[in-house]
Amino acid sequence: MKILNAISKRLLVLTIGGVFAVTLSACSDDKPQATPAAQSVSKAKPAATHNPNPFDHSGEAKVTESEKQRFEREFANQCVNREIKNSDNKESDKERFAKPCTCIATFMMKDLTAQEAEKFLTEHENPQSLRIKYENAAYHCLQEKTPPHEPDFSRPIQHL
């Protein structure tokens, strides 16, 4: 019995000692203490202008209205050309696709950033953000059409 009591006391002392060792080593700092003069100088520096919100585009360069109009026109033309590429009746399909493609381009133009406009207009690239906006705009514009009426399944068909 005395042996078990001695082992449990040693185990308790080792556990408490381990907790103190981990706690004290975790609180230590490798940096030297700064003098009060150095601390006042570091406090006087202006804070960095890093914006933690990646969705806030208020500090970015603005897109001019002419660039937006040019984007809308070129994107709509590209959309129509892509849709009639494999068409048999290009003229009638061009008229049919002009309205939805213009709607998509207008919807995308509202939230266009300068970086996206530059990539699309000058570098002729489609960044991932434009693809996401395109999918959102296509969903918005193509949902305006009224869907065909579904059959009424609530009433059973009566056979005579």
N, C-alpha and C. Protein backbone atom coordinates (compact mmCIF):
# COMPACT_ATOMS: atom_id res chain seq x y z
N MET A 1 0.81 -1.18 0.00
CA MET A 1 0.00 0.00 0.00
C MET A 1 0.86 1.26 0.00
N LYS A 2 1.97 1.17 0.75
CA LYS A 2 2.86 2.32 0.81
C LYS A 2 3.50 2.59 -0.54
N ILE A 3 3.74 1.53 -1.31
CA ILE A 3 4.37 1.70 -2.63
C ILE A 3 3.40 2.41 -3.58
N LEU A 4 2.12 2.05 -3.58
CA LEU A 4 1.14 2.71 -4.42
C LEU A 4 0.97 4.17 -4.03
N ASN A 5 0.97 4.46 -2.76
CA ASN A 5 0.84 5.83 -2.27
C ASN A 5 2.04 6.65 -2.71
N ALA A 6 3.26 6.10 -2.64
CA ALA A 6 4.47 6.80 -3.05
C ALA A 6 4.47 7.04 -4.55
N ILE A 7 4.02 6.07 -5.35
CA ILE A 7 3.97 6.22 -6.82
C ILE A 7 2.95 7.28 -7.20
N SER A 8 1.79 7.29 -6.57
CA SER A 8 0.77 8.29 -6.90
C SER A 8 1.23 9.70 -6.52
N LYS A 9 1.99 9.84 -5.41
CA LYS A 9 2.52 11.16 -5.04
C LYS A 9 3.55 11.62 -6.06
N ARG A 10 4.42 10.71 -6.51
CA ARG A 10 5.42 11.08 -7.52
C ARG A 10 4.75 11.44 -8.84
N LEU A 11 3.75 10.68 -9.22
CA LEU A 11 3.02 10.97 -10.45
C LEU A 11 2.33 12.33 -10.38
N LEU A 12 1.76 12.65 -9.24
CA LEU A 12 1.12 13.95 -9.05
C LEU A 12 2.13 15.08 -9.12
N VAL A 13 3.30 14.90 -8.49
CA VAL A 13 4.34 15.92 -8.51
C VAL A 13 4.87 16.09 -9.94
N LEU A 14 5.08 15.01 -10.66
CA LEU A 14 5.55 15.09 -12.05
C LEU A 14 4.52 15.77 -12.95
N THR A 15 3.26 15.48 -12.78
CA THR A 15 2.21 16.10 -13.58
C THR A 15 2.16 17.61 -13.33
N ILE A 16 2.18 18.00 -12.06
CA ILE A 16 2.15 19.44 -11.73
C ILE A 16 3.41 20.12 -12.24
N GLY A 17 4.55 19.48 -12.11
CA GLY A 17 5.80 20.05 -12.62
C GLY A 17 5.77 20.20 -14.14
N GLY A 18 5.20 19.21 -14.83
CA GLY A 18 5.09 19.29 -16.29
C GLY A 18 4.19 20.44 -16.72
N VAL A 19 3.09 20.62 -16.02
CA VAL A 19 2.19 21.73 -16.34
C VAL A 19 2.89 23.07 -16.14
N PHE A 20 3.62 23.21 -15.06
CA PHE A 20 4.36 24.46 -14.82
C PHE A 20 5.43 24.67 -15.89
N ALA A 21 6.12 23.63 -16.27
CA ALA A 21 7.18 23.76 -17.28
C ALA A 21 6.61 24.20 -18.62
N VAL A 22 5.51 23.61 -19.03
CA VAL A 22 4.89 23.97 -20.30
C VAL A 22 4.35 25.39 -20.23
N THR A 23 3.74 25.76 -19.14
CA THR A 23 3.17 27.09 -19.00
C THR A 23 4.25 28.16 -19.02
N LEU A 24 5.30 27.94 -18.29
CA LEU A 24 6.37 28.94 -18.23
C LEU A 24 7.11 29.06 -19.54
N SER A 25 7.35 27.97 -20.22
CA SER A 25 8.07 28.05 -21.49
C SER A 25 7.20 28.66 -22.59
N ALA A 26 5.90 28.49 -22.50
CA ALA A 26 5.00 29.07 -23.49
C ALA A 26 4.88 30.58 -23.31
N CYS A 27 5.13 31.09 -22.14
CA CYS A 27 5.00 32.52 -21.89
C CYS A 27 6.28 33.28 -22.20
N SER A 28 7.37 32.61 -22.45
CA SER A 28 8.62 33.33 -22.67
C SER A 28 8.62 33.98 -24.04
N ASP A 29 9.41 35.04 -24.18
CA ASP A 29 9.51 35.79 -25.41
C ASP A 29 10.97 35.87 -25.82
N ASP A 30 11.26 35.58 -27.07
CA ASP A 30 12.64 35.62 -27.56
C ASP A 30 13.09 37.04 -27.91
N LYS A 31 12.15 37.95 -28.05
CA LYS A 31 12.50 39.32 -28.43
C LYS A 31 13.03 40.08 -27.22
N PRO A 32 14.04 40.92 -27.44
CA PRO A 32 14.53 41.72 -26.31
C PRO A 32 13.53 42.82 -25.96
N GLN A 33 13.58 43.23 -24.73
CA GLN A 33 12.68 44.29 -24.28
C GLN A 33 13.05 45.60 -24.98
N ALA A 34 12.05 46.29 -25.50
CA ALA A 34 12.29 47.56 -26.17
C ALA A 34 12.33 48.67 -25.13
N THR A 35 13.13 49.67 -25.42
CA THR A 35 13.21 50.81 -24.50
C THR A 35 11.95 51.65 -24.65
N PRO A 36 11.62 52.44 -23.66
CA PRO A 36 10.40 53.27 -23.76
C PRO A 36 10.46 54.24 -24.93
N ALA A 37 11.67 54.75 -25.30
CA ALA A 37 11.78 55.67 -26.42
C ALA A 37 11.44 54.97 -27.73
N ALA A 38 11.89 53.73 -27.86
CA ALA A 38 11.61 52.97 -29.08
C ALA A 38 10.12 52.64 -29.16
N GLN A 39 9.49 52.40 -28.02
CA GLN A 39 8.07 52.11 -28.03
C GLN A 39 7.26 53.31 -28.47
N SER A 40 7.63 54.50 -28.07
CA SER A 40 6.89 55.69 -28.46
C SER A 40 7.05 55.97 -29.95
N VAL A 41 8.24 55.66 -30.51
CA VAL A 41 8.45 55.86 -31.94
C VAL A 41 7.61 54.88 -32.73
N SER A 42 7.55 53.62 -32.27
CA SER A 42 6.77 52.63 -33.00
C SER A 42 5.28 52.94 -32.94
N LYS A 43 4.82 53.58 -31.87
CA LYS A 43 3.41 53.94 -31.77
C LYS A 43 3.08 55.12 -32.67
N ALA A 44 4.07 55.94 -33.00
CA ALA A 44 3.83 57.12 -33.80
C ALA A 44 3.68 56.78 -35.28
N LYS A 45 4.11 55.58 -35.72
CA LYS A 45 4.00 55.21 -37.12
C LYS A 45 2.53 55.04 -37.48
N PRO A 46 2.15 55.46 -38.71
CA PRO A 46 0.77 55.26 -39.12
C PRO A 46 0.52 53.78 -39.38
N ALA A 47 -0.71 53.38 -39.18
CA ALA A 47 -1.08 51.98 -39.38
C ALA A 47 -1.04 51.65 -40.87
N ALA A 48 -0.83 50.39 -41.17
CA ALA A 48 -0.81 49.96 -42.56
C ALA A 48 -2.20 50.13 -43.17
N THR A 49 -2.24 50.34 -44.48
CA THR A 49 -3.51 50.59 -45.15
C THR A 49 -4.09 49.30 -45.72
N HIS A 50 -3.72 48.17 -45.14
CA HIS A 50 -4.24 46.89 -45.60
C HIS A 50 -5.71 46.79 -45.25
N ASN A 51 -6.52 46.45 -46.23
CA ASN A 51 -7.96 46.31 -46.02
C ASN A 51 -8.26 44.85 -45.72
N PRO A 52 -8.73 44.52 -44.53
CA PRO A 52 -8.99 43.13 -44.19
C PRO A 52 -10.20 42.53 -44.91
N ASN A 53 -11.05 43.34 -45.49
CA ASN A 53 -12.23 42.85 -46.18
C ASN A 53 -11.91 42.71 -47.67
N PRO A 54 -11.77 41.49 -48.21
CA PRO A 54 -11.41 41.34 -49.61
C PRO A 54 -12.54 41.71 -50.57
N PHE A 55 -13.76 41.87 -50.09
CA PHE A 55 -14.88 42.19 -50.94
C PHE A 55 -15.15 43.69 -51.01
N ASP A 56 -14.39 44.47 -50.26
CA ASP A 56 -14.56 45.92 -50.26
C ASP A 56 -13.65 46.50 -51.34
N HIS A 57 -14.26 46.97 -52.44
CA HIS A 57 -13.49 47.52 -53.55
C HIS A 57 -13.51 49.04 -53.56
N SER A 58 -13.77 49.66 -52.41
CA SER A 58 -13.89 51.11 -52.37
C SER A 58 -12.55 51.81 -52.58
N GLY A 59 -11.44 51.18 -52.26
CA GLY A 59 -10.14 51.82 -52.41
C GLY A 59 -9.51 51.59 -53.77
N GLU A 60 -10.12 50.79 -54.61
CA GLU A 60 -9.54 50.48 -55.92
C GLU A 60 -9.86 51.59 -56.91
N ALA A 61 -9.13 51.55 -58.03
CA ALA A 61 -9.38 52.51 -59.09
C ALA A 61 -10.77 52.27 -59.67
N LYS A 62 -11.45 53.33 -60.01
CA LYS A 62 -12.80 53.22 -60.54
C LYS A 62 -12.77 53.00 -62.04
N VAL A 63 -13.76 52.32 -62.54
CA VAL A 63 -13.91 52.09 -63.97
C VAL A 63 -14.72 53.24 -64.55
N THR A 64 -14.23 53.83 -65.62
CA THR A 64 -14.95 54.95 -66.23
C THR A 64 -16.17 54.43 -66.97
N GLU A 65 -17.11 55.32 -67.21
CA GLU A 65 -18.35 54.93 -67.89
C GLU A 65 -18.06 54.48 -69.32
N SER A 66 -17.07 55.09 -69.98
CA SER A 66 -16.75 54.67 -71.35
C SER A 66 -16.18 53.25 -71.37
N GLU A 67 -15.37 52.90 -70.35
CA GLU A 67 -14.86 51.54 -70.28
C GLU A 67 -15.99 50.55 -70.00
N LYS A 68 -16.93 50.95 -69.16
CA LYS A 68 -18.07 50.08 -68.87
C LYS A 68 -18.91 49.86 -70.12
N GLN A 69 -19.15 50.93 -70.88
CA GLN A 69 -19.93 50.80 -72.11
C GLN A 69 -19.20 49.93 -73.13
N ARG A 70 -17.90 50.12 -73.22
CA ARG A 70 -17.10 49.32 -74.15
C ARG A 70 -17.12 47.84 -73.73
N PHE A 71 -17.01 47.59 -72.43
CA PHE A 71 -17.08 46.22 -71.91
C PHE A 71 -18.42 45.60 -72.25
N GLU A 72 -19.49 46.35 -72.00
CA GLU A 72 -20.83 45.83 -72.26
C GLU A 72 -20.99 45.47 -73.74
N ARG A 73 -20.56 46.35 -74.62
CA ARG A 73 -20.70 46.13 -76.05
C ARG A 73 -19.87 44.92 -76.51
N GLU A 74 -18.61 44.86 -76.09
CA GLU A 74 -17.73 43.77 -76.52
C GLU A 74 -18.15 42.44 -75.91
N PHE A 75 -18.58 42.44 -74.65
CA PHE A 75 -19.00 41.20 -74.02
C PHE A 75 -20.27 40.67 -74.67
N ALA A 76 -21.21 41.55 -74.98
CA ALA A 76 -22.46 41.13 -75.62
C ALA A 76 -22.16 40.56 -77.01
N ASN A 77 -21.28 41.22 -77.76
CA ASN A 77 -20.92 40.71 -79.09
C ASN A 77 -20.24 39.34 -78.99
N GLN A 78 -19.35 39.20 -78.04
CA GLN A 78 -18.67 37.93 -77.84
C GLN A 78 -19.67 36.83 -77.46
N CYS A 79 -20.62 37.17 -76.63
CA CYS A 79 -21.64 36.21 -76.20
C CYS A 79 -22.49 35.76 -77.38
N VAL A 80 -22.94 36.71 -78.22
CA VAL A 80 -23.77 36.37 -79.37
C VAL A 80 -22.97 35.52 -80.35
N ASN A 81 -21.72 35.91 -80.60
CA ASN A 81 -20.89 35.13 -81.54
C ASN A 81 -20.66 33.71 -81.03
N ARG A 82 -20.50 33.57 -79.75
CA ARG A 82 -20.29 32.23 -79.17
C ARG A 82 -21.56 31.39 -79.32
N GLU A 83 -22.72 32.01 -79.18
CA GLU A 83 -23.98 31.27 -79.26
C GLU A 83 -24.34 30.87 -80.70
N ILE A 84 -24.01 31.72 -81.69
CA ILE A 84 -24.37 31.41 -83.08
C ILE A 84 -23.25 30.68 -83.82
N LYS A 85 -22.21 30.32 -83.11
CA LYS A 85 -21.05 29.68 -83.75
C LYS A 85 -21.43 28.44 -84.56
N ASN A 86 -22.23 27.58 -84.00
CA ASN A 86 -22.61 26.34 -84.67
C ASN A 86 -24.07 26.36 -85.14
N SER A 87 -24.59 27.53 -85.37
CA SER A 87 -25.99 27.66 -85.75
C SER A 87 -26.15 27.50 -87.26
N ASP A 88 -27.33 27.00 -87.66
CA ASP A 88 -27.63 26.88 -89.09
C ASP A 88 -28.21 28.18 -89.63
N ASN A 89 -29.05 28.83 -88.86
CA ASN A 89 -29.68 30.08 -89.28
C ASN A 89 -29.11 31.21 -88.43
N LYS A 90 -27.98 31.73 -88.84
CA LYS A 90 -27.23 32.69 -88.02
C LYS A 90 -27.97 34.02 -87.82
N GLU A 91 -28.67 34.50 -88.84
CA GLU A 91 -29.34 35.80 -88.73
C GLU A 91 -30.48 35.79 -87.71
N SER A 92 -31.32 34.79 -87.78
CA SER A 92 -32.45 34.75 -86.83
C SER A 92 -31.95 34.43 -85.42
N ASP A 93 -30.92 33.57 -85.32
CA ASP A 93 -30.36 33.27 -84.00
C ASP A 93 -29.63 34.47 -83.41
N LYS A 94 -29.04 35.29 -84.27
CA LYS A 94 -28.34 36.48 -83.78
C LYS A 94 -29.34 37.43 -83.12
N GLU A 95 -30.49 37.61 -83.74
CA GLU A 95 -31.53 38.47 -83.16
C GLU A 95 -32.08 37.85 -81.87
N ARG A 96 -32.22 36.53 -81.86
CA ARG A 96 -32.79 35.86 -80.70
C ARG A 96 -31.86 35.92 -79.48
N PHE A 97 -30.54 35.83 -79.71
CA PHE A 97 -29.58 35.83 -78.60
C PHE A 97 -29.12 37.23 -78.20
N ALA A 98 -29.46 38.25 -78.98
CA ALA A 98 -28.99 39.61 -78.68
C ALA A 98 -29.54 40.11 -77.35
N LYS A 99 -30.81 39.88 -77.08
CA LYS A 99 -31.42 40.40 -75.85
C LYS A 99 -30.85 39.75 -74.59
N PRO A 100 -30.79 38.40 -74.49
CA PRO A 100 -30.22 37.82 -73.27
C PRO A 100 -28.73 38.14 -73.09
N CYS A 101 -27.98 38.19 -74.18
CA CYS A 101 -26.55 38.50 -74.05
C CYS A 101 -26.33 39.94 -73.60
N THR A 102 -27.16 40.85 -74.09
CA THR A 102 -27.07 42.24 -73.65
C THR A 102 -27.47 42.37 -72.19
N CYS A 103 -28.48 41.63 -71.79
CA CYS A 103 -28.90 41.64 -70.38
C CYS A 103 -27.76 41.14 -69.48
N ILE A 104 -27.10 40.06 -69.88
CA ILE A 104 -26.00 39.51 -69.10
C ILE A 104 -24.86 40.52 -69.01
N ALA A 105 -24.51 41.13 -70.14
CA ALA A 105 -23.41 42.11 -70.16
C ALA A 105 -23.74 43.32 -69.29
N THR A 106 -24.98 43.79 -69.34
CA THR A 106 -25.40 44.94 -68.52
C THR A 106 -25.35 44.59 -67.04
N PHE A 107 -25.81 43.40 -66.70
CA PHE A 107 -25.80 42.97 -65.30
C PHE A 107 -24.36 42.86 -64.78
N MET A 108 -23.47 42.36 -65.60
CA MET A 108 -22.06 42.23 -65.20
C MET A 108 -21.38 43.60 -65.11
N MET A 109 -21.78 44.52 -65.98
CA MET A 109 -21.17 45.84 -66.03
C MET A 109 -21.40 46.61 -64.73
N LYS A 110 -22.50 46.37 -64.04
CA LYS A 110 -22.83 47.11 -62.83
C LYS A 110 -21.80 46.91 -61.73
N ASP A 111 -21.19 45.73 -61.66
CA ASP A 111 -20.27 45.39 -60.59
C ASP A 111 -18.85 45.17 -61.12
N LEU A 112 -18.50 45.80 -62.21
CA LEU A 112 -17.21 45.61 -62.86
C LEU A 112 -16.11 46.37 -62.13
N THR A 113 -14.98 45.70 -61.90
CA THR A 113 -13.83 46.37 -61.29
C THR A 113 -12.85 46.77 -62.38
N ALA A 114 -11.94 47.67 -62.05
CA ALA A 114 -10.96 48.15 -63.02
C ALA A 114 -10.06 47.02 -63.48
N GLN A 115 -9.70 46.14 -62.57
CA GLN A 115 -8.83 45.02 -62.90
C GLN A 115 -9.51 44.08 -63.90
N GLU A 116 -10.78 43.79 -63.68
CA GLU A 116 -11.50 42.92 -64.59
C GLU A 116 -11.66 43.56 -65.96
N ALA A 117 -11.96 44.84 -65.99
CA ALA A 117 -12.11 45.55 -67.26
C ALA A 117 -10.80 45.53 -68.04
N GLU A 118 -9.70 45.76 -67.35
CA GLU A 118 -8.40 45.76 -68.02
C GLU A 118 -8.08 44.37 -68.58
N LYS A 119 -8.31 43.33 -67.79
CA LYS A 119 -8.04 41.96 -68.24
C LYS A 119 -8.87 41.63 -69.48
N PHE A 120 -10.15 42.00 -69.47
CA PHE A 120 -11.04 41.65 -70.57
C PHE A 120 -10.78 42.50 -71.81
N LEU A 121 -10.66 43.81 -71.61
CA LEU A 121 -10.57 44.72 -72.76
C LEU A 121 -9.18 44.77 -73.39
N THR A 122 -8.13 44.78 -72.59
CA THR A 122 -6.79 44.93 -73.17
C THR A 122 -6.05 43.61 -73.32
N GLU A 123 -6.16 42.73 -72.34
CA GLU A 123 -5.42 41.48 -72.38
C GLU A 123 -6.25 40.33 -72.98
N HIS A 124 -7.53 40.58 -73.24
CA HIS A 124 -8.44 39.60 -73.83
C HIS A 124 -8.44 38.28 -73.04
N GLU A 125 -8.54 38.40 -71.72
CA GLU A 125 -8.61 37.26 -70.83
C GLU A 125 -9.92 37.31 -70.05
N ASN A 126 -10.34 36.16 -69.59
CA ASN A 126 -11.54 36.07 -68.75
C ASN A 126 -11.13 35.58 -67.37
N PRO A 127 -10.94 36.48 -66.41
CA PRO A 127 -10.56 36.03 -65.07
C PRO A 127 -11.70 35.27 -64.40
N GLN A 128 -11.34 34.54 -63.37
CA GLN A 128 -12.33 33.71 -62.65
C GLN A 128 -13.47 34.55 -62.10
N SER A 129 -13.17 35.76 -61.65
CA SER A 129 -14.23 36.61 -61.09
C SER A 129 -15.28 36.95 -62.16
N LEU A 130 -14.84 37.12 -63.42
CA LEU A 130 -15.81 37.39 -64.49
C LEU A 130 -16.66 36.15 -64.77
N ARG A 131 -16.06 34.99 -64.65
CA ARG A 131 -16.84 33.76 -64.87
C ARG A 131 -17.93 33.62 -63.81
N ILE A 132 -17.58 33.95 -62.58
CA ILE A 132 -18.57 33.87 -61.50
C ILE A 132 -19.68 34.89 -61.73
N LYS A 133 -19.30 36.10 -62.12
CA LYS A 133 -20.30 37.14 -62.39
C LYS A 133 -21.16 36.74 -63.58
N TYR A 134 -20.55 36.09 -64.58
CA TYR A 134 -21.30 35.65 -65.75
C TYR A 134 -22.38 34.64 -65.35
N GLU A 135 -22.01 33.67 -64.52
CA GLU A 135 -22.99 32.67 -64.10
C GLU A 135 -24.13 33.30 -63.32
N ASN A 136 -23.81 34.25 -62.46
CA ASN A 136 -24.83 34.95 -61.69
C ASN A 136 -25.74 35.77 -62.61
N ALA A 137 -25.13 36.47 -63.56
CA ALA A 137 -25.91 37.30 -64.49
C ALA A 137 -26.77 36.43 -65.40
N ALA A 138 -26.22 35.31 -65.87
CA ALA A 138 -26.99 34.42 -66.74
C ALA A 138 -28.19 33.87 -65.99
N TYR A 139 -27.99 33.48 -64.75
CA TYR A 139 -29.11 32.98 -63.95
C TYR A 139 -30.17 34.08 -63.80
N HIS A 140 -29.72 35.30 -63.49
CA HIS A 140 -30.64 36.42 -63.29
C HIS A 140 -31.41 36.74 -64.58
N CYS A 141 -30.70 36.83 -65.69
CA CYS A 141 -31.34 37.26 -66.94
C CYS A 141 -32.20 36.18 -67.57
N LEU A 142 -31.78 34.94 -67.44
CA LEU A 142 -32.55 33.88 -68.08
C LEU A 142 -33.74 33.44 -67.24
N GLN A 143 -33.80 33.84 -65.98
CA GLN A 143 -34.95 33.52 -65.15
C GLN A 143 -36.11 34.46 -65.38
N GLU A 144 -35.88 35.54 -66.15
CA GLU A 144 -36.96 36.48 -66.42
C GLU A 144 -38.03 35.87 -67.32
N LYS A 145 -37.64 34.91 -68.14
CA LYS A 145 -38.61 34.27 -69.03
C LYS A 145 -39.58 33.45 -68.19
N THR A 146 -40.82 33.50 -68.57
CA THR A 146 -41.81 32.73 -67.83
C THR A 146 -41.70 31.26 -68.23
N PRO A 147 -41.59 30.39 -67.27
CA PRO A 147 -41.47 28.97 -67.60
C PRO A 147 -42.80 28.43 -68.13
N PRO A 148 -42.74 27.36 -68.90
CA PRO A 148 -44.00 26.78 -69.38
C PRO A 148 -44.81 26.24 -68.21
N HIS A 149 -46.09 26.21 -68.39
CA HIS A 149 -46.97 25.73 -67.32
C HIS A 149 -46.79 24.23 -67.14
N GLU A 150 -46.66 23.83 -65.91
CA GLU A 150 -46.52 22.41 -65.60
C GLU A 150 -47.90 21.78 -65.55
N PRO A 151 -47.99 20.49 -65.85
CA PRO A 151 -49.30 19.83 -65.73
C PRO A 151 -49.75 19.79 -64.28
N ASP A 152 -51.03 19.77 -64.09
CA ASP A 152 -51.60 19.76 -62.76
C ASP A 152 -51.70 18.31 -62.28
N PHE A 153 -50.83 17.91 -61.39
CA PHE A 153 -50.80 16.55 -60.89
C PHE A 153 -51.69 16.36 -59.65
N SER A 154 -52.32 17.38 -59.22
CA SER A 154 -53.12 17.28 -57.99
C SER A 154 -54.42 16.52 -58.21
N ARG A 155 -54.96 16.55 -59.43
CA ARG A 155 -56.21 15.85 -59.72
C ARG A 155 -55.90 14.57 -60.50
N PRO A 156 -56.46 13.47 -60.09
CA PRO A 156 -56.25 12.24 -60.87
C PRO A 156 -57.05 12.26 -62.15
N ILE A 157 -56.54 11.58 -63.16
CA ILE A 157 -57.24 11.52 -64.44
C ILE A 157 -58.39 10.54 -64.31
N GLN A 158 -59.54 10.95 -64.78
CA GLN A 158 -60.72 10.08 -64.69
C GLN A 158 -60.91 9.35 -66.01
N HIS A 159 -61.00 8.06 -65.95
CA HIS A 159 -61.23 7.26 -67.15
C HIS A 159 -62.70 6.97 -67.28
N LEU A 160 -63.21 7.07 -68.47
CA LEU A 160 -64.64 6.77 -68.69
C LEU A 160 -64.84 5.39 -69.15
